[in-house]
Amino acid sequence: MAIKQTAGRDILGEFAPKFAELNDDVLFKEVWSRDDKLSLRDRSLVTIVVLMSMGLTDSSFQYHLMSAKENGITKTEIAEILTHAAFYAGWPKAWAAFKMAKEVWVEDLTDMNAKTEHEHSMIFPIGEPNNDFAKYFKGQSYLAPLSTSQVGIYNVTFEPKCRNNWHIHHATKGGGQILICVSGQGYYQEWGKKAVLLTEGDVINIPAGVKHWHGAVSDSWFSHIAVEVPGKNCSNEWLEEVSDEEYNKLR
């Protein structure tokens, strides 16, 4: 897909129209759009390293850092990229680049600090990214198995705004789930009923056959212990997402 760029014409269109044309239509529309040769992420990586090696940490460098973030380069990756390049491009240049990169990835840094603070607020581990069930969650969740024998017990953590899909725990006898809230704030909602605000110490009993969802509020991390109630022929049916429209009405 061709990249649409107008910065050249916006800034230099009248003063240097040919330069503006080459910037917008050749550099970005043609070179940057050759995603069959290099991905946008890789082109961002190369561009950042080249600009840093030249000591250019101006508005153009900031633009390419922002583009790199949009193209999928994470805070952890940009830190490693600049650290590696420092040994070849120069230590002072890396310091200047890091100063600007921190400003671009500041939200990621804030999110990481919030995650660490949340993890320290409870005695249970936050666990690993819940990748096996990611398709049933909107946002990032984490899973820490506390017991997998006799009764399944898991610490489930949701980043702000994260929630799972509507779902039903099925069983021909017994079954269902118990939620024990251990940190942060979240929601629990049964189909056809109002959502319930959950805080530390709250306990929710979910019988088999009840359609429901649960997750974090918009401005807080949230963790609950999920206890699998033993039963016969237990299964889990995942259903539709909790839409942004539904979720935002809860604020």
Protein backbone atom coordinates (compact mmCIF):
# COMPACT_ATOMS: atom_id res chain seq x y z
CA MET A 1 0.00 0.00 0.00
CA ALA A 2 1.40 3.38 -1.03
CA ILE A 3 2.24 5.81 1.77
CA LYS A 4 0.59 9.21 1.47
CA GLN A 5 2.94 12.00 2.53
CA THR A 6 2.31 15.74 2.18
CA ALA A 7 4.98 17.20 4.50
CA GLY A 8 7.16 18.26 1.57
CA ARG A 9 4.43 20.24 -0.15
CA ASP A 10 3.08 21.60 3.14
CA ILE A 11 6.44 23.02 4.22
CA LEU A 12 8.40 23.62 0.98
CA GLY A 13 5.76 23.44 -1.74
CA GLU A 14 6.13 27.08 -2.77
CA PHE A 15 9.82 27.55 -1.96
CA ALA A 16 11.19 24.31 -3.43
CA PRO A 17 8.41 22.52 -5.33
CA LYS A 18 10.70 19.91 -6.93
CA PHE A 19 12.25 18.94 -3.61
CA ALA A 20 8.74 18.71 -2.13
CA GLU A 21 7.65 16.47 -5.01
CA LEU A 22 10.66 14.16 -4.62
CA ASN A 23 10.10 13.94 -0.86
CA ASP A 24 6.40 13.13 -1.06
CA ASP A 25 6.09 11.18 -4.31
CA VAL A 26 9.44 9.41 -4.65
CA LEU A 27 10.92 8.94 -1.16
CA PHE A 28 7.67 8.06 0.59
CA LYS A 29 5.20 7.07 -2.12
CA GLU A 30 7.70 4.89 -4.00
CA VAL A 31 10.69 3.94 -1.81
CA TRP A 32 8.90 3.57 1.54
CA SER A 33 5.99 1.80 -0.15
CA ARG A 34 8.13 -1.05 -1.50
CA ASP A 35 6.85 -3.38 1.23
CA ASP A 36 7.50 -6.39 -1.01
CA LYS A 37 11.22 -5.68 -0.52
CA LEU A 38 11.36 -4.54 3.09
CA SER A 39 8.59 -4.15 5.65
CA LEU A 40 7.74 -0.71 7.03
CA ARG A 41 9.08 -1.90 10.37
CA ASP A 42 12.47 -2.77 8.85
CA ARG A 43 12.62 0.51 6.92
CA SER A 44 11.93 2.40 10.15
CA LEU A 45 14.73 0.52 11.90
CA VAL A 46 17.25 1.30 9.14
CA THR A 47 16.23 4.95 8.96
CA ILE A 48 16.51 5.50 12.71
CA VAL A 49 19.99 3.99 12.86
CA VAL A 50 21.19 6.05 9.89
CA LEU A 51 19.82 9.32 11.27
CA MET A 52 21.26 8.59 14.71
CA SER A 53 24.69 7.83 13.21
CA MET A 54 24.59 11.27 11.52
CA GLY A 55 23.74 12.92 14.82
CA LEU A 56 20.38 14.17 13.49
CA THR A 57 17.98 14.26 16.41
CA ASP A 58 15.69 16.98 15.11
CA SER A 59 12.00 16.96 14.18
CA SER A 60 12.64 14.53 11.31
CA PHE A 61 14.21 12.05 13.73
CA GLN A 62 11.22 12.43 16.04
CA TYR A 63 8.89 11.80 13.08
CA HIS A 64 10.71 8.58 12.21
CA LEU A 65 10.67 7.45 15.85
CA MET A 66 6.90 7.97 15.91
CA SER A 67 6.58 6.10 12.61
CA ALA A 68 8.71 3.27 14.01
CA LYS A 69 6.34 2.95 16.97
CA GLU A 70 3.33 2.90 14.63
CA ASN A 71 5.12 0.29 12.49
CA GLY A 72 5.44 -2.10 15.42
CA ILE A 73 8.80 -1.38 17.06
CA THR A 74 8.32 -1.70 20.82
CA LYS A 75 9.95 0.23 23.65
CA THR A 76 12.13 -2.78 24.46
CA GLU A 77 13.22 -3.10 20.84
CA ILE A 78 14.04 0.59 20.32
CA ALA A 79 16.12 0.54 23.50
CA GLU A 80 18.10 -2.44 22.18
CA ILE A 81 18.42 -0.92 18.68
CA LEU A 82 19.87 2.34 20.01
CA THR A 83 22.13 0.51 22.48
CA HIS A 84 23.56 -1.67 19.70
CA ALA A 85 24.00 1.28 17.33
CA ALA A 86 25.76 3.29 20.05
CA PHE A 87 28.88 1.12 19.73
CA TYR A 88 29.14 1.99 16.02
CA ALA A 89 27.63 5.47 15.78
CA GLY A 90 28.91 6.97 19.03
CA TRP A 91 27.86 7.16 22.67
CA PRO A 92 26.89 10.88 22.73
CA LYS A 93 24.67 10.34 19.68
CA ALA A 94 22.93 7.48 21.47
CA TRP A 95 22.27 9.68 24.52
CA ALA A 96 20.61 12.28 22.30
CA ALA A 97 18.57 9.61 20.52
CA PHE A 98 17.44 8.03 23.79
CA LYS A 99 16.23 11.38 25.11
CA MET A 100 13.85 11.72 22.17
CA ALA A 101 12.86 8.03 22.13
CA LYS A 102 11.75 8.23 25.77
CA GLU A 103 9.34 11.02 24.81
CA VAL A 104 7.85 8.95 21.97
CA TRP A 105 7.47 5.76 24.01
CA VAL A 106 6.46 7.55 27.23
CA GLU A 107 3.02 5.88 27.32
CA ASP A 108 4.64 2.46 27.06
CA LEU A 109 6.96 3.35 29.94
CA THR A 110 4.01 4.53 32.03
CA ASP A 111 2.12 1.33 31.25
CA MET A 112 5.12 -0.77 32.27
CA ASN A 113 5.44 1.08 35.58
CA ALA A 114 1.72 0.57 36.23
CA LYS A 115 2.04 -3.13 35.49
CA THR A 116 4.97 -3.46 37.90
CA GLU A 117 3.11 -1.55 40.60
CA HIS A 118 0.07 -3.78 40.14
CA GLU A 119 2.15 -6.94 40.33
CA HIS A 120 3.70 -5.76 43.61
CA SER A 121 0.24 -5.10 45.05
CA MET A 122 -0.62 -8.81 45.33
CA ILE A 123 0.99 -11.96 46.64
CA PHE A 124 0.30 -13.98 43.49
CA PRO A 125 2.45 -13.78 40.35
CA ILE A 126 1.12 -11.94 37.32
CA GLY A 127 2.26 -14.79 35.09
CA GLU A 128 2.93 -14.79 31.36
CA PRO A 129 0.99 -13.26 28.46
CA ASN A 130 -2.18 -15.29 27.99
CA ASN A 131 -1.36 -16.11 24.36
CA ASP A 132 -3.28 -19.39 24.14
CA PHE A 133 -6.54 -17.57 24.84
CA ALA A 134 -5.65 -14.21 23.28
CA LYS A 135 -8.31 -14.57 20.56
CA TYR A 136 -10.99 -14.61 23.27
CA PHE A 137 -9.75 -11.39 24.93
CA LYS A 138 -9.82 -7.75 23.84
CA GLY A 139 -6.58 -6.28 25.12
CA GLN A 140 -3.65 -7.94 26.88
CA SER A 141 -4.21 -10.46 29.64
CA TYR A 142 -1.81 -12.56 31.71
CA LEU A 143 -2.17 -16.02 33.23
CA ALA A 144 -0.45 -17.60 36.23
CA PRO A 145 -1.43 -21.22 37.01
CA LEU A 146 -1.56 -21.63 40.80
CA SER A 147 -2.89 -25.21 40.81
CA THR A 148 -3.54 -27.57 37.91
CA SER A 149 -4.30 -30.75 39.92
CA GLN A 150 -7.49 -31.58 41.83
CA VAL A 151 -9.01 -28.16 41.09
CA GLY A 152 -7.80 -25.71 38.46
CA ILE A 153 -6.86 -22.38 40.09
CA TYR A 154 -5.43 -19.51 38.04
CA ASN A 155 -4.51 -15.89 38.64
CA VAL A 156 -5.83 -13.94 35.66
CA THR A 157 -4.65 -10.35 35.15
CA PHE A 158 -6.15 -7.78 32.77
CA GLU A 159 -4.52 -4.55 31.62
CA PRO A 160 -6.81 -1.47 31.68
CA LYS A 161 -9.81 -1.89 29.30
CA CYS A 162 -8.97 -5.58 28.73
CA ARG A 163 -11.89 -7.99 28.96
CA ASN A 164 -12.77 -11.46 27.77
CA ASN A 165 -15.57 -12.31 25.35
CA TRP A 166 -19.03 -13.29 26.45
CA HIS A 167 -18.81 -16.97 27.33
CA ILE A 168 -20.63 -19.84 29.04
CA HIS A 169 -19.27 -22.61 31.27
CA HIS A 170 -21.18 -25.77 30.42
CA ALA A 171 -21.57 -28.93 32.53
CA THR A 172 -24.15 -31.70 32.87
CA LYS A 173 -23.55 -31.65 36.63
CA GLY A 174 -21.75 -29.12 38.83
CA GLY A 175 -19.23 -27.02 36.96
CA GLY A 176 -19.07 -23.25 36.62
CA GLN A 177 -16.45 -20.92 38.04
CA ILE A 178 -15.64 -18.82 41.11
CA LEU A 179 -13.83 -15.48 40.81
CA ILE A 180 -11.91 -14.07 43.80
CA CYS A 181 -10.74 -10.51 43.20
CA VAL A 182 -7.24 -9.88 44.52
CA SER A 183 -6.14 -6.48 43.16
CA GLY A 184 -7.33 -3.52 41.12
CA GLN A 185 -10.81 -2.89 39.79
CA GLY A 186 -12.85 -4.77 37.22
CA TYR A 187 -16.30 -5.64 35.95
CA TYR A 188 -18.45 -8.76 35.93
CA GLN A 189 -21.64 -8.90 33.90
CA GLU A 190 -24.24 -11.56 33.25
CA TRP A 191 -26.35 -11.49 30.10
CA GLY A 192 -29.42 -9.31 30.59
CA LYS A 193 -28.16 -7.81 33.86
CA LYS A 194 -26.19 -4.69 34.82
CA ALA A 195 -22.42 -4.95 35.17
CA VAL A 196 -21.04 -5.27 38.70
CA LEU A 197 -17.96 -3.30 39.78
CA LEU A 198 -15.38 -5.60 41.37
CA THR A 199 -12.71 -4.63 43.89
CA GLU A 200 -10.23 -6.50 46.07
CA GLY A 201 -11.96 -9.10 48.24
CA ASP A 202 -15.10 -9.49 46.13
CA VAL A 203 -16.18 -13.04 45.26
CA ILE A 204 -18.37 -13.97 42.29
CA ASN A 205 -20.03 -17.37 41.89
CA ILE A 206 -20.80 -18.25 38.28
CA PRO A 207 -23.07 -21.27 37.83
CA ALA A 208 -22.81 -23.43 34.72
CA GLY A 209 -24.97 -22.24 31.84
CA VAL A 210 -24.75 -18.51 32.63
CA LYS A 211 -23.60 -16.23 29.80
CA HIS A 212 -21.18 -13.61 31.16
CA TRP A 213 -17.90 -11.70 30.78
CA HIS A 214 -15.35 -10.09 33.10
CA GLY A 215 -12.37 -7.76 32.80
CA ALA A 216 -10.68 -4.56 33.95
CA VAL A 217 -12.11 -1.05 34.21
CA SER A 218 -10.69 1.56 31.82
CA ASP A 219 -8.15 3.10 34.19
CA SER A 220 -6.96 0.24 36.39
CA TRP A 221 -5.20 -3.08 36.14
CA PHE A 222 -7.25 -5.95 37.55
CA SER A 223 -6.51 -9.45 38.82
CA HIS A 224 -8.78 -12.21 40.01
CA ILE A 225 -8.30 -15.82 40.99
CA ALA A 226 -10.37 -18.09 38.74
CA VAL A 227 -11.39 -21.38 40.37
CA GLU A 228 -12.75 -24.09 38.11
CA VAL A 229 -15.64 -25.79 39.89
CA PRO A 230 -15.49 -29.58 39.35
CA GLY A 231 -18.32 -31.14 37.39
CA LYS A 232 -19.25 -33.64 34.70
CA ASN A 233 -18.74 -32.98 30.99
CA CYS A 234 -17.34 -29.50 31.61
CA SER A 235 -16.60 -27.27 28.63
CA ASN A 236 -16.29 -23.60 27.82
CA GLU A 237 -18.19 -21.91 24.98
CA TRP A 238 -16.64 -18.65 23.77
CA LEU A 239 -19.05 -16.19 22.17
CA GLU A 240 -19.01 -12.64 20.78
CA GLU A 241 -16.77 -9.78 21.91
CA VAL A 242 -17.89 -7.16 24.38
CA SER A 243 -17.99 -4.23 21.96
CA ASP A 244 -16.36 -0.88 22.69
CA GLU A 245 -19.84 0.67 22.64
CA GLU A 246 -21.09 -1.73 25.33
CA TYR A 247 -17.95 -1.35 27.40
CA ASN A 248 -17.75 2.46 27.23
CA LYS A 249 -21.28 2.75 28.61
CA LEU A 250 -19.96 1.34 31.90
CA ARG A 251 -17.67 4.29 32.64
